[in-house]
Protein backbone atom coordinates (compact mmCIF):
# COMPACT_ATOMS: atom_id res chain seq x y z
CA MET A 1 77.08 -12.22 -1.48
CA GLY A 2 77.65 -9.67 0.66
CA MET A 3 78.77 -5.84 0.03
CA GLY A 4 80.73 -3.63 2.40
CA ILE A 5 80.05 -0.03 2.52
CA PRO A 6 84.03 0.70 1.12
CA LYS A 7 83.32 -1.62 -2.16
CA ALA A 8 79.59 0.07 -2.54
CA PHE A 9 81.09 3.63 -2.53
CA SER A 10 84.03 1.98 -4.96
CA GLN A 11 81.58 0.76 -7.32
CA THR A 12 79.17 3.63 -6.97
CA PHE A 13 82.45 5.88 -7.81
CA VAL A 14 83.10 4.26 -11.25
CA TYR A 15 79.29 4.78 -12.09
CA TRP A 16 79.37 8.14 -11.15
CA MET A 17 82.21 8.51 -13.36
CA GLY A 18 80.14 7.30 -16.52
CA ARG A 19 77.22 9.06 -15.11
CA MET A 20 79.13 12.56 -14.60
CA GLY A 21 81.04 12.33 -18.55
CA ALA A 22 77.66 11.58 -19.84
CA ARG A 23 75.92 13.93 -18.37
CA SER A 24 78.01 16.52 -18.40
CA LEU A 25 77.87 16.59 -22.41
CA SER A 26 73.80 17.81 -22.17
CA LEU A 27 74.69 20.53 -19.49
CA LEU A 28 77.56 21.57 -21.62
CA LEU A 29 74.95 21.71 -24.47
CA LEU A 30 72.21 24.29 -22.77
CA PRO A 31 73.30 27.32 -24.12
CA LEU A 32 72.91 25.72 -27.37
CA TYR A 33 69.50 24.15 -26.55
CA THR A 34 67.91 27.63 -24.48
CA ALA A 35 69.49 29.84 -27.63
CA HIS A 36 67.70 27.45 -30.02
CA ILE A 37 64.51 26.47 -28.46
CA ALA A 38 61.88 28.76 -26.67
CA PRO A 39 60.84 28.26 -23.28
CA VAL A 40 57.05 26.88 -24.91
CA GLU A 41 58.66 24.35 -27.51
CA TRP A 42 60.81 23.25 -23.97
CA GLY A 43 57.86 23.07 -21.72
CA ALA A 44 55.75 20.59 -25.18
CA LEU A 45 59.62 18.49 -25.15
CA ALA A 46 59.31 18.36 -20.99
CA LEU A 47 55.51 16.75 -21.31
CA LEU A 48 56.34 14.36 -24.27
CA ILE A 49 59.31 13.21 -21.71
CA THR A 50 57.13 12.94 -18.87
CA SER A 51 54.37 10.93 -20.55
CA GLY A 52 56.87 8.27 -22.29
CA ASP A 53 58.54 7.69 -18.74
CA LEU A 54 55.36 7.13 -17.40
CA VAL A 55 54.69 4.82 -20.68
CA ALA A 56 57.87 3.27 -20.52
CA LEU A 57 57.01 1.98 -16.80
CA VAL A 58 54.46 0.24 -17.62
CA VAL A 59 55.26 -1.05 -20.89
CA GLY A 60 58.34 -2.79 -18.88
CA LEU A 61 56.05 -4.16 -16.76
CA GLN A 62 58.44 -3.53 -13.90
CA LEU A 63 60.85 -7.23 -14.86
CA THR A 64 64.09 -5.28 -14.26
CA ASN A 65 62.93 -5.13 -10.61
CA ALA A 66 62.30 -8.76 -10.53
CA LEU A 67 65.11 -10.03 -12.05
CA TYR A 68 67.21 -8.04 -9.56
CA SER A 69 65.36 -10.25 -6.97
CA HIS A 70 65.36 -13.36 -8.34
CA TRP A 71 69.03 -13.08 -9.27
CA ALA A 72 70.01 -12.45 -5.92
CA ARG A 73 68.37 -16.15 -5.29
CA ALA A 74 69.42 -18.11 -7.98
CA ARG A 75 71.16 -21.46 -7.46
CA SER A 76 73.78 -21.39 -10.45
CA GLU A 77 74.91 -19.81 -13.48
CA GLU A 78 72.17 -21.35 -15.50
CA GLU A 79 69.66 -20.32 -13.74
CA ARG A 80 71.11 -16.75 -14.14
CA ARG A 81 71.30 -17.27 -18.16
CA SER A 82 68.03 -18.17 -18.12
CA LEU A 83 66.02 -15.79 -15.47
CA THR A 84 68.26 -12.94 -18.37
CA GLY A 85 67.10 -14.17 -21.32
CA LEU A 86 63.56 -14.17 -20.09
CA VAL A 87 63.49 -11.02 -18.78
CA LEU A 88 65.19 -9.94 -22.93
CA ALA A 89 62.69 -11.54 -24.49
CA CYS A 90 59.75 -10.32 -22.98
CA THR A 91 61.06 -7.35 -23.20
CA ALA A 92 61.14 -7.23 -26.84
CA LEU A 93 58.03 -8.38 -27.49
CA VAL A 94 55.28 -6.71 -24.89
CA PRO A 95 56.09 -3.63 -25.83
CA GLY A 96 55.73 -4.09 -29.63
CA VAL A 97 51.93 -4.81 -28.74
CA ALA A 98 51.55 -2.55 -25.98
CA LEU A 99 52.85 0.94 -27.72
CA LEU A 100 50.67 0.11 -30.68
CA PRO A 101 47.15 2.67 -28.76
CA VAL A 102 50.55 5.39 -28.71
CA TYR A 103 50.98 4.57 -32.59
CA LEU A 104 47.26 4.27 -32.97
CA PHE A 105 46.53 7.70 -31.22
CA SER A 106 49.77 10.04 -32.19
CA ARG A 107 48.01 12.34 -33.73
CA GLU A 108 45.53 13.46 -30.32
CA ILE A 109 48.49 12.99 -28.24
CA ALA A 110 50.49 15.70 -30.21
CA SER A 111 47.90 17.84 -30.00
CA LEU A 112 47.72 17.96 -25.99
CA LEU A 113 51.60 18.49 -26.60
CA GLY A 114 50.45 22.23 -28.43
CA ASP A 115 50.67 21.01 -31.75
CA HIS A 116 49.59 18.48 -34.19
CA GLU A 117 52.45 18.49 -36.51
CA TYR A 118 54.32 17.12 -33.43
CA GLN A 119 52.82 13.42 -34.49
CA GLY A 120 55.88 12.09 -36.21
CA MET A 121 57.48 13.41 -33.53
CA VAL A 122 55.52 11.19 -30.92
CA MET A 123 55.42 7.88 -32.95
CA LEU A 124 59.29 8.46 -33.46
CA TYR A 125 59.85 8.44 -29.40
CA ALA A 126 57.81 5.53 -29.06
CA LEU A 127 59.81 3.65 -31.14
CA ALA A 128 63.04 4.87 -28.98
CA ILE A 129 60.93 3.65 -25.50
CA HIS A 130 60.65 0.34 -26.84
CA ILE A 131 64.29 0.03 -27.93
CA GLY A 132 65.83 1.89 -24.62
CA ALA A 133 63.51 -0.80 -22.78
CA ILE A 134 65.70 -3.27 -24.53
CA VAL A 135 68.74 -1.30 -23.89
CA GLY A 136 67.80 -0.95 -20.33
CA VAL A 137 67.67 -5.13 -19.90
CA VAL A 138 71.94 -5.09 -21.31
CA GLN A 139 72.43 -2.64 -18.57
CA ALA A 140 70.85 -3.99 -15.96
CA GLU A 141 72.94 -7.60 -16.55
CA MET A 142 75.85 -5.54 -16.65
CA ARG A 143 74.94 -4.11 -13.14
CA LEU A 144 74.14 -7.40 -11.44
CA ARG A 145 77.12 -8.69 -12.97
CA GLU A 146 79.74 -5.87 -11.73
CA GLU A 147 80.90 -5.09 -14.91
CA THR A 148 80.62 -1.35 -13.80
CA ARG A 149 83.99 0.37 -16.15
CA ARG A 150 82.16 -1.62 -18.90
CA TYR A 151 78.30 -0.18 -17.58
CA ALA A 152 80.11 3.42 -17.26
CA ALA A 153 82.10 3.36 -20.98
CA MET A 154 78.52 2.31 -22.64
CA GLU A 155 76.95 5.55 -20.54
CA ILE A 156 79.45 7.92 -21.61
CA ALA A 157 78.76 6.38 -25.58
CA LEU A 158 74.93 6.70 -25.20
CA SER A 159 75.27 10.31 -24.02
CA ALA A 160 77.73 11.40 -26.59
CA ALA A 161 75.68 10.01 -29.61
CA ILE A 162 72.62 11.55 -27.83
CA ALA A 163 74.46 14.87 -27.57
CA GLY A 164 76.50 14.76 -31.28
CA VAL A 165 73.61 13.78 -33.49
CA SER A 166 70.78 16.31 -31.13
CA ALA A 167 73.31 19.08 -31.38
CA VAL A 168 73.50 18.80 -34.65
CA LEU A 169 70.16 18.47 -35.96
CA VAL A 170 68.97 21.06 -33.11
CA ALA A 171 71.54 24.19 -34.32
CA GLY A 172 72.60 22.60 -38.17
CA PHE A 173 69.23 21.57 -39.68
CA GLY A 174 66.87 23.66 -37.12
CA LEU A 175 64.67 21.01 -36.65
CA GLY A 176 63.96 22.25 -32.85
CA ILE A 177 62.88 19.41 -30.13
CA ARG A 178 62.39 16.98 -33.34
CA GLY A 179 66.39 17.04 -33.37
CA MET A 180 66.61 15.79 -29.67
CA VAL A 181 64.04 12.91 -30.32
CA TRP A 182 66.13 11.91 -33.19
CA GLY A 183 68.89 12.13 -31.39
CA ASN A 184 68.02 9.76 -28.84
CA PHE A 185 66.37 7.44 -31.01
CA ALA A 186 69.44 7.31 -33.06
CA ALA A 187 71.78 6.89 -30.25
CA PHE A 188 69.27 3.85 -28.54
CA THR A 189 69.31 2.32 -31.84
CA ALA A 190 73.26 2.35 -32.31
CA VAL A 191 73.71 1.16 -28.81
CA ALA A 192 71.61 -1.72 -29.14
CA ALA A 193 72.82 -2.92 -32.45
CA VAL A 194 76.61 -3.25 -30.80
CA THR A 195 75.50 -4.08 -26.88
CA LEU A 196 72.88 -6.71 -27.67
CA PRO A 197 75.06 -9.87 -29.65
CA ARG A 198 77.40 -10.09 -26.41
CA MET A 199 74.43 -10.28 -24.19
CA LEU A 200 72.59 -12.94 -26.29
CA ARG A 201 75.82 -15.03 -26.07
CA ARG A 202 75.47 -14.88 -22.45
CA ALA A 203 71.57 -15.36 -21.93
CA ARG A 204 69.57 -17.99 -23.21
CA LEU A 205 66.42 -16.70 -24.26
CA ASN A 206 63.11 -18.43 -23.40
CA LEU A 207 59.63 -17.93 -22.92
CA ASP A 208 59.66 -20.51 -19.53
CA LEU A 209 55.61 -19.68 -18.07
CA ASN A 210 56.56 -20.57 -14.69
CA LYS A 211 59.30 -18.18 -14.57
CA LEU A 212 57.39 -15.92 -16.30
CA ARG A 213 54.49 -16.48 -13.23
CA SER A 214 56.75 -15.77 -10.66
CA LEU A 215 58.71 -12.81 -12.02
CA VAL A 216 55.37 -10.92 -12.75
CA SER A 217 53.83 -11.88 -9.17
CA PHE A 218 56.53 -9.83 -7.79
CA SER A 219 56.54 -6.90 -10.39
CA LEU A 220 53.09 -6.37 -11.38
CA PRO A 221 52.47 -4.59 -7.63
CA LEU A 222 55.07 -2.13 -8.49
CA ILE A 223 54.04 -1.04 -11.46
CA PRO A 224 50.71 0.96 -10.48
CA SER A 225 53.32 2.32 -7.57
CA SER A 226 55.32 3.29 -9.86
CA ALA A 227 53.22 4.44 -12.43
CA ALA A 228 51.74 6.63 -9.06
CA MET A 229 56.02 7.63 -8.37
CA ALA A 230 55.76 8.80 -11.78
CA GLY A 231 52.77 11.17 -11.21
CA VAL A 232 54.45 12.06 -8.00
CA HIS A 233 57.91 13.32 -9.64
CA ASN A 234 56.11 14.37 -13.19
CA LEU A 235 52.27 15.13 -12.52
CA ASP A 236 52.56 19.07 -12.11
CA ARG A 237 53.83 19.91 -15.10
CA TYR A 238 50.47 18.84 -16.52
CA LEU A 239 48.83 21.10 -13.81
CA LEU A 240 51.60 23.83 -14.78
CA GLN A 241 50.43 23.69 -18.40
CA ALA A 242 47.05 23.14 -17.95
CA TYR A 243 46.87 26.26 -15.64
CA LEU A 244 49.54 28.48 -16.54
CA GLY A 245 50.58 27.11 -20.14
CA ALA A 246 52.91 25.37 -22.23
CA GLN A 247 56.07 28.61 -21.51
CA VAL A 248 55.66 28.40 -17.65
CA VAL A 249 56.20 24.73 -18.15
CA GLY A 250 59.26 25.08 -20.14
CA ILE A 251 60.92 27.58 -17.34
CA TYR A 252 59.43 25.17 -14.73
CA SER A 253 61.36 21.68 -16.14
CA MET A 254 64.64 24.38 -16.95
CA GLY A 255 65.05 24.77 -12.73
CA TYR A 256 63.68 21.07 -12.32
CA LYS A 257 66.46 19.99 -14.79
CA PHE A 258 69.12 21.87 -12.39
CA GLY A 259 67.73 20.78 -9.43
CA GLN A 260 67.94 17.06 -10.59
CA LEU A 261 71.56 17.53 -11.06
CA ILE A 262 71.94 15.72 -7.58
CA ASN A 263 70.28 12.81 -9.06
CA LEU A 264 73.16 13.15 -11.66
CA ALA A 265 75.93 13.93 -9.16
CA VAL A 266 74.78 11.25 -6.64
CA LEU A 267 71.41 9.34 -6.68
CA GLY A 268 72.01 7.89 -10.45
CA PRO A 269 75.12 6.23 -9.78
CA PHE A 270 74.23 5.05 -6.06
CA LEU A 271 70.99 3.37 -7.16
CA LEU A 272 72.94 1.74 -9.87
CA TYR A 273 74.50 0.00 -7.37
CA TRP A 274 71.97 0.28 -4.91
CA GLU A 275 68.73 -1.37 -6.72
CA PRO A 276 70.49 -4.89 -7.39
CA LYS A 277 72.71 -5.14 -4.48
CA SER A 278 69.89 -3.59 -1.60
CA TYR A 279 67.94 -7.57 -1.91
CA GLN A 280 71.49 -8.98 -1.08
CA ILE A 281 72.07 -6.68 1.30
CA ALA A 282 68.97 -6.87 3.55
CA LEU A 283 69.42 -11.00 3.59
CA GLU A 284 73.39 -10.44 5.42
CA PRO A 285 73.98 -10.78 8.93
CA LYS A 286 73.54 -7.04 11.16
CA ALA A 287 71.92 -5.29 7.89
CA GLU A 288 70.30 -3.01 10.59
CA GLU A 289 73.74 -1.47 11.33
CA ARG A 290 74.94 -1.63 7.71
CA LEU A 291 71.78 0.05 6.35
CA GLY A 292 71.76 2.63 8.62
CA ARG A 293 75.29 3.19 8.04
CA MET A 294 74.50 3.51 4.49
CA PHE A 295 71.44 5.94 5.10
CA THR A 296 73.72 8.44 7.51
CA LEU A 297 76.97 8.26 4.32
CA LEU A 298 74.42 8.85 1.84
CA ALA A 299 72.56 11.63 3.70
CA ALA A 300 75.89 13.21 3.84
CA LEU A 301 76.65 13.69 0.72
CA LEU A 302 72.96 14.30 -0.49
CA VAL A 303 73.12 17.44 1.26
CA PHE A 304 76.31 18.57 0.68
CA PHE A 305 74.95 18.62 -3.28
CA VAL A 306 71.88 20.33 -1.75
CA VAL A 307 73.67 22.90 -0.03
CA ALA A 308 75.98 23.59 -3.72
CA LEU A 309 73.24 23.54 -6.12
CA SER A 310 71.04 25.61 -3.50
CA GLY A 311 73.30 27.85 -3.11
CA MET A 312 74.65 28.76 -6.65
CA ALA A 313 71.28 27.98 -8.19
CA ARG A 314 70.73 32.02 -9.32
CA GLU A 315 74.69 32.05 -11.07
CA VAL A 316 74.60 28.86 -12.66
CA VAL A 317 71.18 29.55 -14.21
CA GLN A 318 72.26 32.58 -15.79
CA LEU A 319 75.43 31.51 -16.86
CA MET A 320 74.00 27.65 -18.44
CA THR A 321 70.86 29.65 -20.46
CA ASP A 322 69.50 31.74 -22.39
CA GLU A 323 68.26 34.94 -20.55
CA ARG A 324 64.50 33.65 -21.10
CA TYR A 325 64.94 30.79 -18.94
CA TRP A 326 66.43 32.77 -15.82
CA GLU A 327 63.60 32.47 -13.51
CA ALA A 328 64.02 28.53 -13.80
CA TYR A 329 66.70 29.55 -10.75
CA ARG A 330 63.70 29.97 -7.95
CA VAL A 331 62.77 26.13 -8.43
CA VAL A 332 66.20 24.37 -8.04
CA PRO A 333 66.10 24.80 -4.15
CA PRO A 334 63.04 22.85 -3.48
CA VAL A 335 63.50 20.61 -6.33
CA VAL A 336 66.97 19.51 -5.05
CA ILE A 337 65.83 19.69 -1.13
CA SER A 338 63.03 17.14 -2.59
CA TYR A 339 65.29 14.72 -4.71
CA ALA A 340 67.61 14.24 -1.48
CA VAL A 341 64.75 13.52 0.61
CA PHE A 342 63.52 10.66 -1.99
CA GLY A 343 67.14 9.28 -2.41
CA LEU A 344 67.14 8.83 1.12
CA ASP A 345 63.87 6.76 0.75
CA SER A 346 65.83 4.02 -1.20
CA VAL A 347 67.79 3.32 1.52
CA ALA A 348 64.53 3.55 4.29
CA ARG A 349 62.51 1.07 2.21
CA VAL A 350 64.79 -1.90 1.59
CA GLY A 351 62.73 -3.49 3.89
CA MET A 352 59.26 -3.84 2.22
CA LEU A 353 61.48 -4.66 -0.62
CA ALA A 354 63.70 -7.55 0.82
CA ALA A 355 60.52 -9.40 2.51
CA GLY A 356 58.81 -8.78 -1.28
CA ARG A 357 55.86 -6.18 0.34
CA THR A 358 55.25 -4.38 -3.22
CA ARG A 359 51.62 -4.14 -1.91
CA THR A 360 52.73 -1.84 0.74
CA VAL A 361 55.28 -0.23 -1.50
CA LEU A 362 51.97 0.53 -3.58
CA VAL A 363 49.55 2.22 -0.77
CA VAL A 364 52.53 4.53 0.62
CA VAL A 365 53.10 5.54 -2.94
CA LEU A 366 49.00 6.50 -3.40
CA VAL A 367 49.12 8.50 -0.38
CA SER A 368 52.03 9.86 -0.98
CA LEU A 369 50.40 10.96 -4.68
CA ALA A 370 46.79 11.82 -3.12
CA VAL A 371 48.62 14.48 -1.05
CA ASN A 372 50.53 15.88 -3.85
CA ILE A 373 47.52 16.13 -6.48
CA GLY A 374 45.51 17.86 -3.66
CA GLY A 375 48.41 20.05 -3.19
CA ASN A 376 48.96 21.20 -6.18
CA LEU A 377 45.24 21.50 -6.89
CA TRP A 378 45.28 23.60 -4.20
CA LEU A 379 48.20 25.57 -4.30
CA ILE A 380 49.37 26.15 -8.10
CA PRO A 381 46.57 28.62 -8.95
CA ARG A 382 48.06 30.63 -5.90
CA TRP A 383 51.15 30.86 -6.00
CA GLY A 384 52.12 29.18 -9.35
CA MET A 385 55.44 27.15 -10.35
CA LEU A 386 57.05 27.83 -6.96
CA ALA A 387 54.07 25.96 -5.09
CA ALA A 388 54.87 23.02 -7.69
CA ALA A 389 58.36 23.01 -6.48
CA TRP A 390 57.50 22.67 -2.86
CA MET A 391 54.72 20.24 -3.41
CA THR A 392 57.09 17.60 -4.74
CA LEU A 393 59.15 18.37 -1.60
CA GLY A 394 56.12 17.50 0.51
CA THR A 395 54.96 15.06 -1.07
CA PHE A 396 58.82 13.21 -0.87
CA VAL A 397 58.55 13.80 3.44
CA VAL A 398 55.36 12.08 3.43
CA LEU A 399 56.77 8.70 1.47
CA LEU A 400 60.39 8.68 3.65
CA ALA A 401 57.84 8.70 6.65
CA GLY A 402 55.62 5.99 5.64
CA ASP A 403 58.33 4.07 4.21
CA MET A 404 60.68 4.37 7.33
CA LEU A 405 57.62 3.22 9.43
CA LEU A 406 56.66 0.45 7.77
CA SER A 407 59.90 -1.36 6.43
CA HIS A 408 60.83 -0.90 10.23
CA ARG A 409 58.95 -3.94 10.63
CA SER A 410 60.86 -5.99 8.17
CA ILE A 411 64.39 -4.56 9.01
CA PRO A 412 64.58 -1.78 12.21
CA ILE A 413 67.36 -0.05 10.62
CA ARG A 414 69.61 1.66 13.22
CA TYR A 415 69.36 5.18 12.60
CA GLU A 416 72.55 7.43 13.57
CA LYS A 417 70.17 10.24 14.93
CA ARG A 418 72.77 12.32 16.54
CA ASN A 419 75.29 11.99 13.26
CA PHE A 420 72.34 13.16 11.02
CA LEU A 421 71.14 15.87 13.44
CA ILE A 422 75.02 16.80 13.37
CA LEU A 423 75.21 17.15 8.92
CA ILE A 424 71.99 18.72 9.14
CA ALA A 425 73.16 21.65 11.30
CA VAL A 426 76.10 21.78 9.49
CA GLY A 427 74.76 22.04 6.43
CA ALA A 428 72.14 24.96 7.25
CA LEU A 429 74.94 27.09 7.91
CA VAL A 430 77.05 26.37 5.98
CA TRP A 431 73.29 27.47 3.33
CA GLY A 432 73.13 30.70 5.69
CA LEU A 433 76.42 31.44 5.08
CA GLN A 434 76.40 31.21 0.95
CA ALA A 435 72.70 33.47 1.30
CA GLY A 436 74.97 36.55 2.04
CA ILE A 437 76.85 36.55 -0.42
CA HIS A 438 75.42 39.19 -2.85
CA LEU A 439 78.66 40.45 -6.07
CA GLU A 440 77.60 41.86 -8.86
CA SER A 441 80.21 39.71 -11.10
CA LEU A 442 78.34 35.68 -11.28
CA TRP A 443 81.74 34.34 -11.96
CA ALA A 444 83.18 36.21 -8.59
CA SER A 445 79.76 35.34 -6.71
CA LEU A 446 80.45 31.66 -7.55
CA ALA A 447 83.70 31.58 -6.56
CA ALA A 448 82.82 32.79 -3.28
CA LYS A 449 79.86 30.27 -2.46
CA LEU A 450 82.13 27.55 -3.54
CA THR A 451 84.68 28.68 -1.52
CA VAL A 452 81.78 28.86 1.59
CA VAL A 453 80.95 25.33 0.52
CA THR A 454 84.06 23.73 1.64
CA ILE A 455 83.41 24.31 5.04
CA TYR A 456 80.58 21.44 5.04
CA PRO A 457 82.94 18.70 4.47
CA LEU A 458 85.41 19.90 6.76
CA ALA A 459 83.26 19.80 9.57
CA LEU A 460 81.89 16.56 9.10
CA TRP A 461 85.62 15.15 8.99
CA ALA A 462 86.28 16.88 12.43
CA ALA A 463 82.91 15.54 13.95
CA GLY A 464 83.80 12.05 12.85
CA ILE A 465 81.11 11.44 10.68
CA LEU A 466 82.49 10.73 7.53
CA ARG A 467 84.38 7.45 9.30
CA SER A 468 82.86 5.25 11.62
CA LYS A 469 85.38 3.16 13.43
CA ASN A 470 83.63 0.06 12.95
CA ASP A 471 84.02 0.00 8.78
CA GLY A 472 87.01 -1.57 8.50
CA GLN A 473 85.69 -3.95 11.01
CA GLU A 474 82.79 -4.47 9.18
CA THR A 475 84.30 -4.86 5.97
CA ASP A 476 87.45 -7.61 7.53
CA SER A 477 84.30 -9.51 8.14
CA ILE A 478 82.30 -9.55 5.32
CA CYS A 479 85.65 -10.77 3.15
CA ALA A 480 86.46 -13.38 5.89
CA SER A 481 82.58 -15.51 5.35
CA GLU A 482 82.59 -14.77 1.69
CA ARG A 483 86.20 -16.73 1.87
CA ALA A 484 84.16 -19.05 3.95
CA ARG A 485 81.46 -19.44 1.60
CA SER A 486 83.61 -20.49 -1.77
CA GLN A 487 85.28 -22.89 0.45
């Protein structure tokens, strides 16, 4: 059951390769997309995706999170097959009913996006959400079985299909954002058709009501907290549209996309490993020390990307997008810092989740959402999209502080405070050096800043932060305990 930190990061690296290979296709197509799609249309697409993410959280009942928790406690392979089959069956059935209001009121929803002619696009996206939820269960099982290479290959295939179909429909047929929605639908359908037969051979489909009650008792409190968290992530788009219009939403969303590259580079791959495994790690001996070490190593990686992405935001945005989107670079620094803080929260709150205190998680998220709403309502009319970006950071700081405080009661994580302060200080120094670089050539400026960024990992290595002398001993003890259990 145990998992050492070296193996954790080796699996994360495999996930990272898959995620980078997959998402890089989308990034490479940004010049094409921004040349054919105006900011006002990009804003409508951002609102559709934001709304779709919220709907997906609700209709999926958060059953994959419950699967992670119950899988860690399953006593046999048969029990795991039964759990997987139950979650798959429910995910196939429930969204079909839950999405009916979206189909019935698709015209009204399209009008909220700015054009009632988007009605067909709204209905197609709802269907893509349903198929995507089923694919999500397939992916969850791969993660639980540690099929990292298969998962990475699936990620690349899915994104390649989305990118290929979308590019042809946007540039070749002039379908705009409709082409991107069709690309998502076609790709999810194809992946589901290829991967479902294999999973159906391994899962035992059932509708065991007793097991379902146990799953739902864990997952239901997560639905409002996840919906509230989606509000924290995305509510600013709706407020920006209300105050400043869809064009500002489009520019802001483009900047947000670049800021979220930290998710692509670090958080996405890490969470693919961390979400199913954190429940198991919390049950291991010396969980407090291991979680503290994980927090430091994750922080070191996150700060590196904060420094790199923030310092090079102007150059990257101007090189990758049409001139209509260039102002988006201003929101990148606060957004990338925000998601670094959010990433650290994934370690800090393990104690609450492992103890099943999902209602406490909900309280913290609701407080954070209230801070987000109040701050945005007050600041957006005064300072526009920059206010929304900085409020995201303020909200995640509140979230992290609350989760650290309340999770401490369940697992008192031993944070490496000295190492954390050192890496923050080094990151701030490197960021300051980057800020002093102003060259006429974008490529020359980018090269100079990249050179400066290399100071950060070298300084951390010299300070001994990247390698603890206890890591090797810890890995040996974990391997020994696993061998003892297998005997």
